[in-house]
Amino acid sequence: MRILVTNDDGINAPGLKVLEHIAQDIAGPDGEVWVVAPAFEQSGVGHCISYAHPFMIAKLGDRRYAAEGSPADCVLAGLHDVMKDTQPDLILSGVNKGNNSAENVLYSGTLGAAMEAALQGLPAIALSQYFGPDNAKLDDPFEATAGHGAHVVRTLLAQGKWDLDQDYRLFYNVNFPPKPAKDVKGIKVVPQGRRPNTNFALEPQTSPSGRRFLWIKGGNQHVEVKPETDVGANHDGFISVTPLRADLTAYDTLNSLQEAFA
């Protein structure tokens, strides 16, 4: 198997090394793991692409590249430049430092890469590690992902639905709970949730030179949520698996809206 790996935390991020090990386990001794990752951190860029300007790509080693672009750019670079003659069988994105559950899905560059892979017609899985008081100070805060990630990916490849004939292919969002590996309770397949009253906000600051800057800050990631959602599962010590599509249509309102405009 040939696997392309990317992320949004950057080519030197510790989570990327974790994902490379998972990818090598999945690919096997005769497989190939290719890395095309952002040269610098690209957290929060979502599905952004560098449409209005070119970006540089540099070879750092055997099957290892850094691109001065977004995670989605990295997928495009991998498919249409680096691996144009040897297309991957699977694209893995992550392992993100921090969760991509609930509303974070809409901002995540990690998910943006997986979404682009799905739009390009390839199987894709995004993996993220929730952080909290039970794992943030471990010697390896990614140990839940390292211990269980290969099993999750292998199960999705064997039993997951991939919708090869759909206009918008499925891709998968996997979040590992903020727990040590030994305390992970299992896996739950759950929908995307929503943290109540949790939104991004701004904090203004004036520099010593008198210039005004605005810092974006996130909301509380550990508020009480509905239990049968990705966040609820993660808080309860479970790995969450959520199937996603790039189609944002609100199908539950189509009929009533069509009637209103008839």
Protein backbone atom coordinates (compact mmCIF):
# COMPACT_ATOMS: atom_id res chain seq x y z
CA MET A 1 0.00 0.00 0.00
CA ARG A 2 1.11 3.54 -0.79
CA ILE A 3 0.09 6.20 1.75
CA LEU A 4 0.35 10.00 1.61
CA VAL A 5 0.64 11.71 5.01
CA THR A 6 0.06 15.38 5.76
CA ASN A 7 -1.04 17.62 8.66
CA ASP A 8 -1.71 21.24 9.63
CA ASP A 9 0.77 21.55 12.51
CA GLY A 10 3.78 21.58 10.20
CA ILE A 11 6.52 19.27 8.96
CA ASN A 12 8.31 19.22 12.33
CA ALA A 13 5.25 18.57 14.51
CA PRO A 14 5.46 15.61 16.92
CA GLY A 15 1.99 14.42 15.87
CA LEU A 16 3.21 13.98 12.31
CA LYS A 17 5.86 11.51 13.51
CA VAL A 18 3.15 9.54 15.30
CA LEU A 19 1.10 9.39 12.10
CA GLU A 20 4.12 8.32 10.06
CA HIS A 21 4.56 5.33 12.38
CA ILE A 22 0.87 4.46 12.03
CA ALA A 23 1.09 4.80 8.25
CA GLN A 24 4.15 2.55 8.10
CA ASP A 25 2.33 -0.07 10.16
CA ILE A 26 -0.62 0.06 7.76
CA ALA A 27 1.52 0.13 4.61
CA GLY A 28 3.58 -2.86 5.70
CA PRO A 29 7.21 -3.70 4.92
CA ASP A 30 6.62 -3.58 1.17
CA GLY A 31 4.54 -0.38 1.24
CA GLU A 32 5.48 3.26 0.88
CA VAL A 33 4.82 6.24 3.13
CA TRP A 34 5.13 9.66 1.53
CA VAL A 35 5.02 12.92 3.49
CA VAL A 36 3.96 16.28 2.06
CA ALA A 37 3.32 18.66 4.96
CA PRO A 38 3.23 22.42 5.49
CA ALA A 39 6.59 24.06 6.08
CA PHE A 40 5.01 26.05 8.92
CA GLU A 41 1.98 25.62 11.15
CA GLN A 42 -1.32 26.06 9.33
CA SER A 43 -3.82 25.46 12.13
CA GLY A 44 -7.28 26.92 11.58
CA VAL A 45 -7.01 27.39 7.82
CA GLY A 46 -9.78 24.90 7.09
CA HIS A 47 -10.06 23.88 3.44
CA CYS A 48 -8.12 26.92 2.23
CA ILE A 49 -6.09 26.60 -0.99
CA SER A 50 -3.48 29.01 -2.34
CA TYR A 51 -5.57 29.87 -5.38
CA ALA A 52 -4.31 33.43 -5.86
CA HIS A 53 -0.56 32.81 -5.55
CA PRO A 54 1.96 29.97 -6.05
CA PHE A 55 3.72 28.22 -3.21
CA MET A 56 7.18 26.68 -2.93
CA ILE A 57 7.82 23.01 -2.27
CA ALA A 58 11.13 21.53 -1.12
CA LYS A 59 12.38 17.96 -0.92
CA LEU A 60 13.76 17.28 2.57
CA GLY A 61 14.55 13.60 2.17
CA ASP A 62 13.43 10.36 0.61
CA ARG A 63 9.64 10.63 0.10
CA ARG A 64 9.54 13.69 2.39
CA TYR A 65 8.52 17.20 1.26
CA ALA A 66 7.65 20.53 2.85
CA ALA A 67 5.31 22.97 1.10
CA GLU A 68 4.78 26.64 1.91
CA GLY A 69 1.03 26.22 1.67
CA SER A 70 -2.06 24.93 3.41
CA PRO A 71 -2.85 21.28 4.19
CA ALA A 72 -5.18 21.14 1.19
CA ASP A 73 -2.33 22.57 -0.91
CA CYS A 74 -0.15 19.73 0.36
CA VAL A 75 -2.67 17.16 -0.82
CA LEU A 76 -2.79 18.79 -4.25
CA ALA A 77 1.02 18.91 -4.36
CA GLY A 78 1.24 15.27 -3.36
CA LEU A 79 -1.29 14.06 -5.93
CA HIS A 80 -0.40 16.25 -8.88
CA ASP A 81 3.34 16.79 -8.47
CA VAL A 82 5.23 14.67 -5.96
CA MET A 83 3.26 11.45 -6.58
CA LYS A 84 1.79 12.19 -9.99
CA ASP A 85 3.17 8.94 -11.43
CA THR A 86 2.57 6.82 -8.31
CA GLN A 87 -0.81 7.76 -6.84
CA PRO A 88 -1.47 6.89 -3.18
CA ASP A 89 -4.04 4.35 -2.04
CA LEU A 90 -4.85 6.30 1.12
CA ILE A 91 -4.35 9.79 2.56
CA LEU A 92 -3.92 10.30 6.31
CA SER A 93 -3.97 13.75 7.92
CA GLY A 94 -2.71 14.56 11.45
CA VAL A 95 -2.11 13.68 14.13
CA ASN A 96 -3.43 17.07 15.18
CA LYS A 97 -2.25 18.51 18.49
CA GLY A 98 -5.70 19.11 19.95
CA ASN A 99 -9.17 17.88 19.14
CA ASN A 100 -11.06 18.37 15.91
CA SER A 101 -14.43 17.42 17.33
CA ALA A 102 -17.69 19.40 17.08
CA GLU A 103 -17.43 22.94 15.68
CA ASN A 104 -13.66 22.60 15.33
CA VAL A 105 -14.32 20.48 12.25
CA LEU A 106 -15.31 23.62 10.35
CA TYR A 107 -11.99 25.38 11.02
CA SER A 108 -9.55 22.50 10.94
CA GLY A 109 -6.74 22.34 8.41
CA THR A 110 -6.38 18.68 9.33
CA LEU A 111 -9.94 18.08 8.12
CA GLY A 112 -9.36 20.39 5.16
CA ALA A 113 -6.66 18.06 3.87
CA ALA A 114 -8.89 15.00 4.25
CA MET A 115 -11.76 16.81 2.55
CA GLU A 116 -9.57 17.71 -0.41
CA ALA A 117 -8.43 14.11 -0.70
CA ALA A 118 -12.06 12.96 -0.78
CA LEU A 119 -12.92 15.55 -3.44
CA GLN A 120 -10.00 14.19 -5.46
CA GLY A 121 -11.59 10.74 -5.21
CA LEU A 122 -9.27 9.12 -2.68
CA PRO A 123 -9.91 7.48 0.71
CA ALA A 124 -8.97 9.85 3.52
CA ILE A 125 -8.90 9.81 7.32
CA ALA A 126 -8.15 12.72 9.66
CA LEU A 127 -6.76 11.90 13.10
CA SER A 128 -6.58 14.25 16.10
CA GLN A 129 -5.52 13.92 19.72
CA TYR A 130 -7.70 15.62 22.34
CA PHE A 131 -5.68 17.29 25.10
CA GLY A 132 -6.77 17.57 28.73
CA PRO A 133 -5.42 17.30 32.28
CA ASP A 134 -5.12 13.50 32.07
CA ASN A 135 -2.74 13.45 29.12
CA ALA A 136 -1.31 16.92 28.46
CA LYS A 137 1.66 16.37 30.78
CA LEU A 138 2.44 12.78 29.86
CA ASP A 139 5.89 12.05 28.43
CA ASP A 140 3.99 11.28 25.22
CA PRO A 141 0.64 13.11 25.14
CA PHE A 142 -0.11 11.34 21.84
CA GLU A 143 0.09 7.86 23.39
CA ALA A 144 -3.65 7.17 22.99
CA THR A 145 -3.31 7.74 19.26
CA ALA A 146 -0.04 5.84 19.03
CA GLY A 147 -1.53 2.89 20.87
CA HIS A 148 -4.85 2.67 19.05
CA GLY A 149 -4.47 4.57 15.77
CA ALA A 150 -3.37 1.72 13.52
CA HIS A 151 -6.29 -0.44 14.68
CA VAL A 152 -8.81 2.31 13.91
CA VAL A 153 -7.38 2.98 10.45
CA ARG A 154 -7.16 -0.71 9.62
CA THR A 155 -10.78 -1.28 10.69
CA LEU A 156 -12.01 1.67 8.61
CA LEU A 157 -10.15 0.40 5.57
CA ALA A 158 -11.61 -3.09 5.99
CA GLN A 159 -15.16 -2.27 7.04
CA GLY A 160 -15.79 1.44 6.45
CA LYS A 161 -18.06 2.68 3.70
CA TRP A 162 -16.23 4.77 1.10
CA ASP A 163 -18.97 5.65 -1.44
CA LEU A 164 -16.87 5.31 -4.57
CA ASP A 165 -19.84 6.17 -6.77
CA GLN A 166 -21.02 9.28 -4.87
CA ASP A 167 -20.48 12.86 -6.02
CA TYR A 168 -19.22 13.72 -2.53
CA ARG A 169 -17.17 10.85 -1.16
CA LEU A 170 -17.11 10.00 2.51
CA PHE A 171 -14.06 10.74 4.60
CA TYR A 172 -13.55 10.04 8.26
CA ASN A 173 -12.83 12.17 11.31
CA VAL A 174 -11.17 10.31 14.19
CA ASN A 175 -10.54 11.91 17.59
CA PHE A 176 -8.65 10.20 20.39
CA PRO A 177 -9.71 11.02 23.95
CA PRO A 178 -7.66 13.10 26.40
CA LYS A 179 -6.57 9.98 28.26
CA PRO A 180 -3.53 7.74 28.59
CA ALA A 181 -3.62 4.82 26.16
CA LYS A 182 -4.48 2.33 28.92
CA ASP A 183 -7.59 4.32 29.89
CA VAL A 184 -9.16 4.39 26.43
CA LYS A 185 -12.51 2.60 26.78
CA GLY A 186 -13.12 1.74 23.13
CA ILE A 187 -14.47 3.23 19.92
CA LYS A 188 -17.80 4.94 19.28
CA VAL A 189 -19.21 5.89 15.88
CA VAL A 190 -21.01 9.15 16.57
CA PRO A 191 -22.17 12.33 14.80
CA GLN A 192 -20.43 15.68 14.95
CA GLY A 193 -21.48 17.55 18.08
CA ARG A 194 -21.56 21.15 19.24
CA ARG A 195 -20.17 22.65 22.42
CA PRO A 196 -22.83 25.00 23.81
CA ASN A 197 -21.79 28.65 23.99
CA THR A 198 -18.30 27.83 22.71
CA ASN A 199 -17.07 30.08 19.92
CA PHE A 200 -13.90 31.74 18.79
CA ALA A 201 -13.45 35.28 20.05
CA LEU A 202 -11.03 38.20 19.81
CA GLU A 203 -8.70 39.80 22.31
CA PRO A 204 -7.28 43.20 21.29
CA GLN A 205 -3.77 44.18 22.29
CA THR A 206 -1.63 47.27 21.75
CA SER A 207 2.04 46.73 20.96
CA PRO A 208 4.85 48.80 22.54
CA SER A 209 4.98 50.80 19.30
CA GLY A 210 1.32 51.71 19.64
CA ARG A 211 0.02 49.44 16.90
CA ARG A 212 -3.23 47.61 17.55
CA PHE A 213 -3.40 43.83 17.10
CA LEU A 214 -6.26 41.35 17.44
CA TRP A 215 -5.59 37.89 18.82
CA ILE A 216 -8.06 35.13 18.04
CA LYS A 217 -8.71 32.86 21.01
CA GLY A 218 -10.65 29.65 21.32
CA GLY A 219 -13.41 28.67 23.71
CA ASN A 220 -13.66 26.09 26.46
CA GLN A 221 -13.06 22.62 25.02
CA HIS A 222 -14.30 20.74 28.07
CA VAL A 223 -17.85 22.01 28.62
CA GLU A 224 -20.67 19.52 29.15
CA VAL A 225 -22.08 18.25 25.85
CA LYS A 226 -24.57 15.72 24.52
CA PRO A 227 -23.18 12.26 25.27
CA GLU A 228 -23.79 10.61 21.88
CA THR A 229 -21.59 13.01 19.92
CA ASP A 230 -17.89 13.12 19.08
CA VAL A 231 -17.09 15.45 21.99
CA GLY A 232 -19.24 13.47 24.40
CA ALA A 233 -17.51 10.23 23.44
CA ASN A 234 -14.06 11.82 23.81
CA HIS A 235 -14.87 13.25 27.24
CA ASP A 236 -16.04 9.81 28.32
CA GLY A 237 -12.76 8.18 27.28
CA PHE A 238 -13.79 6.80 23.89
CA ILE A 239 -12.25 7.23 20.46
CA SER A 240 -14.80 8.93 18.21
CA VAL A 241 -15.23 8.03 14.55
CA THR A 242 -17.43 10.34 12.48
CA PRO A 243 -18.17 9.90 8.75
CA LEU A 244 -18.23 13.23 6.92
CA ARG A 245 -18.96 14.63 3.47
CA ALA A 246 -18.15 17.97 1.88
CA ASP A 247 -21.82 18.45 0.95
CA LEU A 248 -23.13 21.18 3.31
CA THR A 249 -26.74 21.05 2.13
CA ALA A 250 -29.31 21.14 4.95
CA TYR A 251 -31.48 18.36 3.53
CA ASP A 252 -33.97 18.54 6.40
CA THR A 253 -35.16 21.97 5.20
CA LEU A 254 -35.23 21.39 1.43
CA ASN A 255 -38.86 20.33 1.11
CA SER A 256 -40.33 23.13 3.23
CA LEU A 257 -38.19 25.73 1.48
CA GLN A 258 -39.13 24.43 -1.96
CA GLU A 259 -42.79 24.70 -0.98
CA ALA A 260 -42.27 28.26 0.26
CA PHE A 261 -40.84 29.34 -3.08
CA ALA A 262 -43.22 27.31 -5.24
